[in-house]
Amino acid sequence: SLMTLILSSYSESNVFKKYYSLGKFANYVINETINQGYDRVNDFVRELGDYLEMCNEDDIKPTLYSSYLKQTHDKTSRNHRVIVEKENEEIFKSRYEDFKTYNGKKYMVVAPKSSEDLKREGDNLNHCVASYIKRVIDGECLIFFLRKEKDESLITFEVRHNTIVQVRGLH
């Protein structure tokens, strides 16, 4: 039965127990499996578990009740798979050598210190900015973060030829 499947999935997984009480887990799975177009509860639970495991591995705060689990999972997966070789990481960092953090009265603009910062930003705001790492390395663009507080992701923007060409917030 459905409840047996949910109970066994929950009891067999430390990652579900880490983030959900049994009741909240069951409600989320029951409500969202159909709402999000999954054919089987098993598929939804597997994708949710995979997503939460990636978040744990990458030390990212997960979106626990995403209404778009497939997209959230896929973006996290893309960011999770981006591996930057040491040589390219040095090039990435060199792109921001001349940038000085801007501190306004309410907001600040900061540059990523490493490619990992782009991955984290994409995961925090649920967008695919990590896919821009190669573009930064190749000198095609720069990515900056608008912050209210130093570490809280708010807005990500892409700059080409000293012009902001794209801005993304949450989702």
N, C-alpha and C. Protein backbone atom coordinates (compact mmCIF):
# COMPACT_ATOMS: atom_id res chain seq x y z
N SER A 1 0.84 -1.20 0.00
CA SER A 1 0.00 0.00 0.00
C SER A 1 0.87 1.25 0.00
N LEU A 2 0.27 2.37 -0.26
CA LEU A 2 0.98 3.65 -0.33
C LEU A 2 1.67 3.99 0.99
N MET A 3 0.96 3.85 2.11
CA MET A 3 1.55 4.19 3.40
C MET A 3 2.70 3.25 3.75
N THR A 4 2.62 1.99 3.37
CA THR A 4 3.71 1.04 3.62
C THR A 4 4.96 1.48 2.86
N LEU A 5 4.78 1.87 1.61
CA LEU A 5 5.90 2.35 0.79
C LEU A 5 6.53 3.59 1.41
N ILE A 6 5.70 4.53 1.83
CA ILE A 6 6.21 5.76 2.44
C ILE A 6 6.92 5.46 3.75
N LEU A 7 6.33 4.62 4.58
CA LEU A 7 6.94 4.25 5.86
C LEU A 7 8.30 3.57 5.66
N SER A 8 8.37 2.63 4.73
CA SER A 8 9.63 1.92 4.51
C SER A 8 10.68 2.86 3.92
N SER A 9 10.29 3.73 3.01
CA SER A 9 11.24 4.70 2.44
C SER A 9 11.80 5.59 3.53
N TYR A 10 10.92 6.05 4.41
CA TYR A 10 11.33 6.96 5.48
C TYR A 10 12.25 6.25 6.47
N SER A 11 11.86 5.05 6.88
CA SER A 11 12.63 4.36 7.92
C SER A 11 13.99 3.87 7.41
N GLU A 12 14.11 3.63 6.11
CA GLU A 12 15.37 3.14 5.54
C GLU A 12 16.35 4.26 5.20
N SER A 13 15.92 5.51 5.29
CA SER A 13 16.77 6.61 4.83
C SER A 13 17.08 7.61 5.93
N ASN A 14 18.35 7.75 6.23
CA ASN A 14 18.76 8.76 7.21
C ASN A 14 18.54 10.17 6.69
N VAL A 15 18.64 10.35 5.37
CA VAL A 15 18.51 11.69 4.80
C VAL A 15 17.08 12.21 4.96
N PHE A 16 16.09 11.37 4.84
CA PHE A 16 14.71 11.82 5.04
C PHE A 16 14.49 12.19 6.50
N LYS A 17 15.01 11.35 7.41
CA LYS A 17 14.86 11.61 8.85
C LYS A 17 15.57 12.91 9.25
N LYS A 18 16.64 13.23 8.57
CA LYS A 18 17.40 14.44 8.90
C LYS A 18 16.57 15.70 8.64
N TYR A 19 15.74 15.68 7.59
CA TYR A 19 15.05 16.89 7.16
C TYR A 19 13.54 16.92 7.45
N TYR A 20 12.92 15.75 7.65
CA TYR A 20 11.45 15.71 7.78
C TYR A 20 11.04 14.86 8.97
N SER A 21 9.94 15.26 9.59
CA SER A 21 9.26 14.33 10.49
C SER A 21 8.52 13.36 9.57
N LEU A 22 8.11 12.21 10.09
CA LEU A 22 7.40 11.24 9.26
C LEU A 22 6.12 11.84 8.67
N GLY A 23 5.38 12.58 9.46
CA GLY A 23 4.13 13.18 8.98
C GLY A 23 4.35 14.17 7.86
N LYS A 24 5.34 15.04 8.00
CA LYS A 24 5.61 16.04 6.96
C LYS A 24 6.13 15.37 5.69
N PHE A 25 6.95 14.34 5.87
CA PHE A 25 7.45 13.58 4.73
C PHE A 25 6.29 12.94 3.98
N ALA A 26 5.41 12.26 4.70
CA ALA A 26 4.27 11.57 4.09
C ALA A 26 3.36 12.57 3.37
N ASN A 27 3.05 13.69 4.01
CA ASN A 27 2.20 14.71 3.38
C ASN A 27 2.82 15.25 2.10
N TYR A 28 4.11 15.57 2.15
CA TYR A 28 4.79 16.11 0.98
C TYR A 28 4.76 15.09 -0.16
N VAL A 29 5.12 13.85 0.12
CA VAL A 29 5.16 12.81 -0.91
C VAL A 29 3.78 12.57 -1.50
N ILE A 30 2.77 12.42 -0.65
CA ILE A 30 1.41 12.14 -1.13
C ILE A 30 0.88 13.30 -1.96
N ASN A 31 1.04 14.52 -1.48
CA ASN A 31 0.50 15.68 -2.19
C ASN A 31 1.24 16.00 -3.48
N GLU A 32 2.54 15.88 -3.45
CA GLU A 32 3.32 16.38 -4.58
C GLU A 32 3.61 15.34 -5.66
N THR A 33 3.55 14.07 -5.36
CA THR A 33 3.80 13.06 -6.40
C THR A 33 2.87 13.29 -7.59
N ILE A 34 1.60 13.43 -7.33
CA ILE A 34 0.62 13.63 -8.41
C ILE A 34 0.68 15.06 -8.93
N ASN A 35 0.75 16.04 -8.01
CA ASN A 35 0.79 17.46 -8.42
C ASN A 35 1.94 17.74 -9.39
N GLN A 36 3.06 17.06 -9.19
CA GLN A 36 4.23 17.32 -10.01
C GLN A 36 4.36 16.37 -11.20
N GLY A 37 3.37 15.53 -11.39
CA GLY A 37 3.33 14.71 -12.60
C GLY A 37 4.14 13.43 -12.56
N TYR A 38 4.49 12.97 -11.39
CA TYR A 38 5.20 11.68 -11.30
C TYR A 38 4.19 10.55 -11.46
N ASP A 39 4.57 9.51 -12.17
CA ASP A 39 3.68 8.37 -12.36
C ASP A 39 3.65 7.46 -11.14
N ARG A 40 4.80 7.41 -10.44
CA ARG A 40 4.90 6.50 -9.30
C ARG A 40 5.49 7.21 -8.10
N VAL A 41 4.99 6.88 -6.93
CA VAL A 41 5.50 7.44 -5.68
C VAL A 41 6.98 7.10 -5.53
N ASN A 42 7.34 5.88 -5.92
CA ASN A 42 8.75 5.45 -5.86
C ASN A 42 9.68 6.42 -6.59
N ASP A 43 9.26 6.87 -7.78
CA ASP A 43 10.09 7.78 -8.57
C ASP A 43 10.29 9.10 -7.84
N PHE A 44 9.20 9.62 -7.27
CA PHE A 44 9.28 10.89 -6.54
C PHE A 44 10.22 10.74 -5.33
N VAL A 45 10.04 9.67 -4.57
CA VAL A 45 10.85 9.45 -3.37
C VAL A 45 12.32 9.27 -3.74
N ARG A 46 12.60 8.54 -4.81
CA ARG A 46 13.99 8.32 -5.25
C ARG A 46 14.64 9.65 -5.65
N GLU A 47 13.90 10.47 -6.41
CA GLU A 47 14.46 11.76 -6.84
C GLU A 47 14.68 12.69 -5.64
N LEU A 48 13.74 12.68 -4.71
CA LEU A 48 13.88 13.50 -3.51
C LEU A 48 15.11 13.06 -2.70
N GLY A 49 15.27 11.75 -2.53
CA GLY A 49 16.43 11.23 -1.80
C GLY A 49 17.74 11.59 -2.47
N ASP A 50 17.78 11.47 -3.79
CA ASP A 50 18.97 11.80 -4.55
C ASP A 50 19.31 13.29 -4.39
N TYR A 51 18.29 14.12 -4.49
CA TYR A 51 18.48 15.57 -4.33
C TYR A 51 19.04 15.90 -2.94
N LEU A 52 18.45 15.32 -1.90
CA LEU A 52 18.90 15.61 -0.54
C LEU A 52 20.32 15.11 -0.30
N GLU A 53 20.67 13.96 -0.88
CA GLU A 53 22.04 13.43 -0.76
C GLU A 53 23.05 14.38 -1.40
N MET A 54 22.72 14.91 -2.60
CA MET A 54 23.62 15.87 -3.26
C MET A 54 23.80 17.11 -2.40
N CYS A 55 22.70 17.59 -1.82
CA CYS A 55 22.78 18.77 -0.95
C CYS A 55 23.70 18.50 0.23
N ASN A 56 23.57 17.31 0.83
CA ASN A 56 24.45 16.95 1.94
C ASN A 56 25.91 16.92 1.52
N GLU A 57 26.19 16.27 0.39
CA GLU A 57 27.57 16.16 -0.10
C GLU A 57 28.17 17.53 -0.39
N ASP A 58 27.37 18.43 -0.93
CA ASP A 58 27.88 19.74 -1.33
C ASP A 58 27.67 20.79 -0.24
N ASP A 59 27.16 20.37 0.92
CA ASP A 59 26.93 21.27 2.05
C ASP A 59 26.03 22.44 1.67
N ILE A 60 24.88 22.11 1.07
CA ILE A 60 23.90 23.10 0.61
C ILE A 60 22.63 22.93 1.42
N LYS A 61 22.00 24.02 1.73
CA LYS A 61 20.70 23.96 2.40
C LYS A 61 19.64 23.61 1.35
N PRO A 62 18.97 22.46 1.50
CA PRO A 62 18.00 22.05 0.47
C PRO A 62 16.67 22.80 0.56
N THR A 63 15.97 22.87 -0.55
CA THR A 63 14.59 23.33 -0.59
C THR A 63 13.74 22.11 -0.24
N LEU A 64 13.17 22.09 0.95
CA LEU A 64 12.52 20.87 1.44
C LEU A 64 11.17 20.59 0.83
N TYR A 65 10.44 21.61 0.43
CA TYR A 65 9.09 21.39 -0.09
C TYR A 65 8.96 22.00 -1.48
N SER A 66 9.93 21.71 -2.33
CA SER A 66 9.92 22.26 -3.68
C SER A 66 8.67 21.80 -4.43
N SER A 67 8.03 22.76 -5.09
CA SER A 67 6.90 22.43 -5.95
C SER A 67 7.38 22.00 -7.33
N TYR A 68 8.68 22.03 -7.54
CA TYR A 68 9.29 21.68 -8.81
C TYR A 68 10.48 20.76 -8.55
N LEU A 69 10.24 19.63 -7.91
CA LEU A 69 11.34 18.75 -7.50
C LEU A 69 12.23 18.36 -8.67
N LYS A 70 11.66 18.01 -9.81
CA LYS A 70 12.48 17.59 -10.94
C LYS A 70 13.46 18.68 -11.35
N GLN A 71 12.98 19.92 -11.48
CA GLN A 71 13.86 21.03 -11.85
C GLN A 71 14.89 21.30 -10.76
N THR A 72 14.45 21.29 -9.51
CA THR A 72 15.36 21.53 -8.38
C THR A 72 16.44 20.46 -8.37
N HIS A 73 16.04 19.21 -8.54
CA HIS A 73 16.98 18.09 -8.58
C HIS A 73 17.96 18.25 -9.75
N ASP A 74 17.43 18.56 -10.93
CA ASP A 74 18.28 18.63 -12.13
C ASP A 74 19.28 19.77 -12.05
N LYS A 75 18.87 20.92 -11.53
CA LYS A 75 19.81 22.05 -11.38
C LYS A 75 20.90 21.70 -10.37
N THR A 76 20.50 21.10 -9.28
CA THR A 76 21.48 20.70 -8.26
C THR A 76 22.44 19.67 -8.85
N SER A 77 21.91 18.75 -9.63
CA SER A 77 22.73 17.73 -10.26
C SER A 77 23.75 18.35 -11.22
N ARG A 78 23.30 19.31 -12.03
CA ARG A 78 24.22 20.00 -12.95
C ARG A 78 25.33 20.70 -12.17
N ASN A 79 24.96 21.40 -11.12
CA ASN A 79 25.95 22.11 -10.32
C ASN A 79 26.88 21.13 -9.60
N HIS A 80 26.32 20.01 -9.17
CA HIS A 80 27.07 18.98 -8.45
C HIS A 80 28.15 18.37 -9.34
N ARG A 81 27.86 18.24 -10.62
CA ARG A 81 28.79 17.58 -11.55
C ARG A 81 29.89 18.51 -12.07
N VAL A 82 29.77 19.82 -11.85
CA VAL A 82 30.77 20.74 -12.38
C VAL A 82 32.05 20.58 -11.57
N ILE A 83 33.09 20.10 -12.21
CA ILE A 83 34.38 19.93 -11.55
C ILE A 83 35.37 20.81 -12.30
N VAL A 84 36.06 21.64 -11.55
CA VAL A 84 36.99 22.59 -12.16
C VAL A 84 38.41 22.16 -11.80
N GLU A 85 39.23 21.95 -12.83
CA GLU A 85 40.61 21.55 -12.60
C GLU A 85 41.37 22.71 -11.94
N LYS A 86 42.44 22.36 -11.23
CA LYS A 86 43.20 23.35 -10.46
C LYS A 86 43.67 24.51 -11.34
N GLU A 87 44.16 24.21 -12.51
CA GLU A 87 44.67 25.24 -13.43
C GLU A 87 43.54 26.21 -13.82
N ASN A 88 42.38 25.66 -14.15
CA ASN A 88 41.24 26.51 -14.51
C ASN A 88 40.72 27.29 -13.31
N GLU A 89 40.84 26.71 -12.13
CA GLU A 89 40.41 27.42 -10.92
C GLU A 89 41.27 28.67 -10.72
N GLU A 90 42.54 28.57 -11.00
CA GLU A 90 43.43 29.74 -10.89
C GLU A 90 43.03 30.82 -11.91
N ILE A 91 42.70 30.40 -13.12
CA ILE A 91 42.25 31.35 -14.13
C ILE A 91 40.95 32.00 -13.67
N PHE A 92 40.02 31.20 -13.15
CA PHE A 92 38.75 31.73 -12.64
C PHE A 92 39.03 32.83 -11.61
N LYS A 93 39.85 32.53 -10.64
CA LYS A 93 40.15 33.50 -9.58
C LYS A 93 40.80 34.76 -10.14
N SER A 94 41.67 34.60 -11.15
CA SER A 94 42.38 35.75 -11.71
C SER A 94 41.43 36.72 -12.40
N ARG A 95 40.29 36.25 -12.85
CA ARG A 95 39.31 37.12 -13.53
C ARG A 95 38.78 38.21 -12.61
N TYR A 96 38.88 37.98 -11.31
CA TYR A 96 38.31 38.92 -10.33
C TYR A 96 39.39 39.68 -9.55
N GLU A 97 40.65 39.57 -9.97
CA GLU A 97 41.76 40.20 -9.23
C GLU A 97 41.55 41.69 -8.98
N ASP A 98 41.05 42.40 -9.99
CA ASP A 98 40.94 43.86 -9.88
C ASP A 98 39.63 44.32 -9.24
N PHE A 99 38.74 43.41 -8.94
CA PHE A 99 37.43 43.81 -8.41
C PHE A 99 37.52 44.11 -6.92
N LYS A 100 36.92 45.22 -6.53
CA LYS A 100 36.82 45.59 -5.12
C LYS A 100 35.35 45.49 -4.73
N THR A 101 35.06 44.83 -3.63
CA THR A 101 33.69 44.71 -3.15
C THR A 101 33.08 46.09 -2.99
N TYR A 102 31.85 46.24 -3.49
CA TYR A 102 31.12 47.51 -3.35
C TYR A 102 30.21 47.41 -2.14
N ASN A 103 30.33 48.35 -1.21
CA ASN A 103 29.47 48.39 -0.05
C ASN A 103 28.62 49.65 -0.09
N GLY A 104 27.32 49.49 -0.37
CA GLY A 104 26.41 50.62 -0.34
C GLY A 104 25.78 50.71 1.04
N LYS A 105 24.77 51.57 1.18
CA LYS A 105 24.11 51.72 2.47
C LYS A 105 23.32 50.47 2.85
N LYS A 106 22.62 49.90 1.88
CA LYS A 106 21.78 48.73 2.15
C LYS A 106 22.32 47.44 1.56
N TYR A 107 22.98 47.56 0.42
CA TYR A 107 23.40 46.37 -0.33
C TYR A 107 24.89 46.40 -0.62
N MET A 108 25.42 45.24 -0.95
CA MET A 108 26.81 45.13 -1.38
C MET A 108 26.87 44.26 -2.62
N VAL A 109 27.88 44.49 -3.44
CA VAL A 109 28.15 43.65 -4.60
C VAL A 109 29.47 42.96 -4.33
N VAL A 110 29.43 41.64 -4.39
CA VAL A 110 30.64 40.85 -4.14
C VAL A 110 30.91 39.94 -5.33
N ALA A 111 32.17 39.59 -5.47
CA ALA A 111 32.59 38.66 -6.52
C ALA A 111 32.78 37.29 -5.90
N PRO A 112 32.60 36.24 -6.68
CA PRO A 112 32.90 34.90 -6.16
C PRO A 112 34.40 34.77 -5.91
N LYS A 113 34.75 34.09 -4.84
CA LYS A 113 36.17 33.87 -4.54
C LYS A 113 36.69 32.63 -5.25
N SER A 114 35.75 31.75 -5.65
CA SER A 114 36.13 30.51 -6.34
C SER A 114 34.94 30.01 -7.13
N SER A 115 35.17 29.01 -7.96
CA SER A 115 34.07 28.42 -8.73
C SER A 115 33.05 27.78 -7.80
N GLU A 116 33.48 27.32 -6.63
CA GLU A 116 32.56 26.73 -5.65
C GLU A 116 31.49 27.75 -5.24
N ASP A 117 31.85 29.04 -5.20
CA ASP A 117 30.88 30.08 -4.84
C ASP A 117 29.75 30.15 -5.87
N LEU A 118 30.07 29.92 -7.15
CA LEU A 118 29.02 29.91 -8.17
C LEU A 118 28.11 28.70 -7.99
N LYS A 119 28.68 27.56 -7.67
CA LYS A 119 27.87 26.37 -7.41
C LYS A 119 26.92 26.63 -6.24
N ARG A 120 27.47 27.16 -5.17
CA ARG A 120 26.67 27.42 -3.97
C ARG A 120 25.57 28.43 -4.25
N GLU A 121 25.89 29.46 -5.02
CA GLU A 121 24.88 30.47 -5.39
C GLU A 121 23.75 29.84 -6.19
N GLY A 122 24.10 29.00 -7.15
CA GLY A 122 23.07 28.32 -7.95
C GLY A 122 22.19 27.43 -7.10
N ASP A 123 22.80 26.76 -6.15
CA ASP A 123 22.02 25.90 -5.26
C ASP A 123 21.15 26.72 -4.31
N ASN A 124 21.69 27.80 -3.77
CA ASN A 124 20.92 28.64 -2.85
C ASN A 124 19.72 29.29 -3.52
N LEU A 125 19.90 29.72 -4.77
CA LEU A 125 18.82 30.43 -5.47
C LEU A 125 18.10 29.55 -6.48
N ASN A 126 18.50 28.31 -6.57
CA ASN A 126 17.86 27.35 -7.46
C ASN A 126 17.87 27.83 -8.92
N HIS A 127 19.05 28.20 -9.38
CA HIS A 127 19.23 28.50 -10.80
C HIS A 127 20.57 27.92 -11.26
N CYS A 128 20.86 28.05 -12.54
CA CYS A 128 21.98 27.29 -13.12
C CYS A 128 23.25 28.11 -13.32
N VAL A 129 23.56 29.03 -12.41
CA VAL A 129 24.74 29.86 -12.59
C VAL A 129 26.03 29.05 -12.63
N ALA A 130 26.06 27.87 -12.05
CA ALA A 130 27.28 27.05 -12.09
C ALA A 130 27.65 26.69 -13.53
N SER A 131 26.66 26.69 -14.41
CA SER A 131 26.96 26.38 -15.81
C SER A 131 27.74 27.52 -16.48
N TYR A 132 27.91 28.65 -15.79
CA TYR A 132 28.66 29.79 -16.32
C TYR A 132 30.13 29.77 -15.92
N ILE A 133 30.56 28.80 -15.15
CA ILE A 133 31.95 28.74 -14.70
C ILE A 133 32.91 28.76 -15.89
N LYS A 134 32.64 27.94 -16.89
CA LYS A 134 33.52 27.89 -18.06
C LYS A 134 33.55 29.24 -18.78
N ARG A 135 32.41 29.92 -18.86
CA ARG A 135 32.37 31.24 -19.51
C ARG A 135 33.23 32.25 -18.77
N VAL A 136 33.25 32.17 -17.46
CA VAL A 136 34.12 33.06 -16.67
C VAL A 136 35.57 32.72 -16.95
N ILE A 137 35.90 31.45 -16.92
CA ILE A 137 37.27 31.00 -17.18
C ILE A 137 37.72 31.46 -18.57
N ASP A 138 36.81 31.35 -19.55
CA ASP A 138 37.14 31.74 -20.93
C ASP A 138 37.13 33.25 -21.15
N GLY A 139 36.78 34.02 -20.13
CA GLY A 139 36.79 35.47 -20.24
C GLY A 139 35.57 36.06 -20.96
N GLU A 140 34.52 35.26 -21.14
CA GLU A 140 33.31 35.73 -21.83
C GLU A 140 32.46 36.64 -20.96
N CYS A 141 32.48 36.41 -19.67
CA CYS A 141 31.64 37.20 -18.77
C CYS A 141 32.19 37.11 -17.35
N LEU A 142 31.61 37.90 -16.47
CA LEU A 142 31.87 37.81 -15.03
C LEU A 142 30.52 37.68 -14.34
N ILE A 143 30.52 37.02 -13.21
CA ILE A 143 29.31 36.85 -12.42
C ILE A 143 29.53 37.54 -11.08
N PHE A 144 28.54 38.29 -10.64
CA PHE A 144 28.62 38.97 -9.34
C PHE A 144 27.36 38.69 -8.53
N PHE A 145 27.46 38.93 -7.23
CA PHE A 145 26.35 38.67 -6.32
C PHE A 145 25.95 39.96 -5.63
N LEU A 146 24.66 40.24 -5.61
CA LEU A 146 24.12 41.34 -4.82
C LEU A 146 23.69 40.75 -3.48
N ARG A 147 24.13 41.37 -2.40
CA ARG A 147 23.85 40.86 -1.05
C ARG A 147 23.31 41.98 -0.17
N LYS A 148 22.45 41.56 0.77
CA LYS A 148 22.09 42.45 1.87
C LYS A 148 23.02 42.15 3.03
N GLU A 149 23.13 40.88 3.32
CA GLU A 149 24.08 40.38 4.32
C GLU A 149 25.18 39.69 3.52
N LYS A 150 26.38 39.68 4.03
CA LYS A 150 27.53 39.20 3.27
C LYS A 150 27.35 37.79 2.68
N ASP A 151 26.76 36.87 3.44
CA ASP A 151 26.70 35.49 2.96
C ASP A 151 25.34 35.04 2.45
N GLU A 152 24.34 35.89 2.50
CA GLU A 152 23.00 35.48 2.09
C GLU A 152 22.77 35.77 0.60
N SER A 153 22.53 34.71 -0.17
CA SER A 153 22.28 34.86 -1.60
C SER A 153 21.00 35.65 -1.83
N LEU A 154 21.07 36.65 -2.71
CA LEU A 154 19.91 37.49 -2.99
C LEU A 154 19.67 37.58 -4.50
N ILE A 155 20.66 38.13 -5.21
CA ILE A 155 20.57 38.33 -6.66
C ILE A 155 21.92 37.96 -7.27
N THR A 156 21.88 37.29 -8.41
CA THR A 156 23.08 36.96 -9.17
C THR A 156 22.99 37.71 -10.49
N PHE A 157 24.10 38.32 -10.92
CA PHE A 157 24.04 38.97 -12.23
C PHE A 157 25.29 38.72 -13.05
N GLU A 158 25.06 38.70 -14.37
CA GLU A 158 26.11 38.45 -15.35
C GLU A 158 26.49 39.76 -16.00
N VAL A 159 27.79 39.99 -16.14
CA VAL A 159 28.31 41.21 -16.76
C VAL A 159 29.16 40.83 -17.97
N ARG A 160 28.87 41.49 -19.09
CA ARG A 160 29.68 41.36 -20.31
C ARG A 160 30.01 42.77 -20.80
N HIS A 161 31.26 43.01 -21.08
CA HIS A 161 31.71 44.32 -21.58
C HIS A 161 31.16 45.46 -20.71
N ASN A 162 31.33 45.32 -19.40
CA ASN A 162 30.90 46.34 -18.42
C ASN A 162 29.41 46.63 -18.43
N THR A 163 28.60 45.70 -18.90
CA THR A 163 27.15 45.87 -18.94
C THR A 163 26.48 44.65 -18.29
N ILE A 164 25.52 44.91 -17.42
CA ILE A 164 24.75 43.82 -16.85
C ILE A 164 23.82 43.29 -17.94
N VAL A 165 23.95 42.00 -18.25
CA VAL A 165 23.15 41.41 -19.33
C VAL A 165 22.12 40.41 -18.84
N GLN A 166 22.24 39.98 -17.56
CA GLN A 166 21.27 39.02 -17.04
C GLN A 166 21.25 39.13 -15.52
N VAL A 167 20.05 39.05 -14.97
CA VAL A 167 19.87 39.11 -13.52
C VAL A 167 18.94 37.99 -13.09
N ARG A 168 19.31 37.28 -12.05
CA ARG A 168 18.46 36.18 -11.55
C ARG A 168 18.39 36.25 -10.03
N GLY A 169 17.17 36.02 -9.53
CA GLY A 169 16.96 35.88 -8.10
C GLY A 169 16.58 34.44 -7.82
N LEU A 170 15.79 34.23 -6.79
CA LEU A 170 15.36 32.88 -6.42
C LEU A 170 14.53 32.27 -7.55
N HIS A 171 14.87 31.04 -7.96
CA HIS A 171 14.22 30.28 -9.03
C HIS A 171 14.30 31.01 -10.37
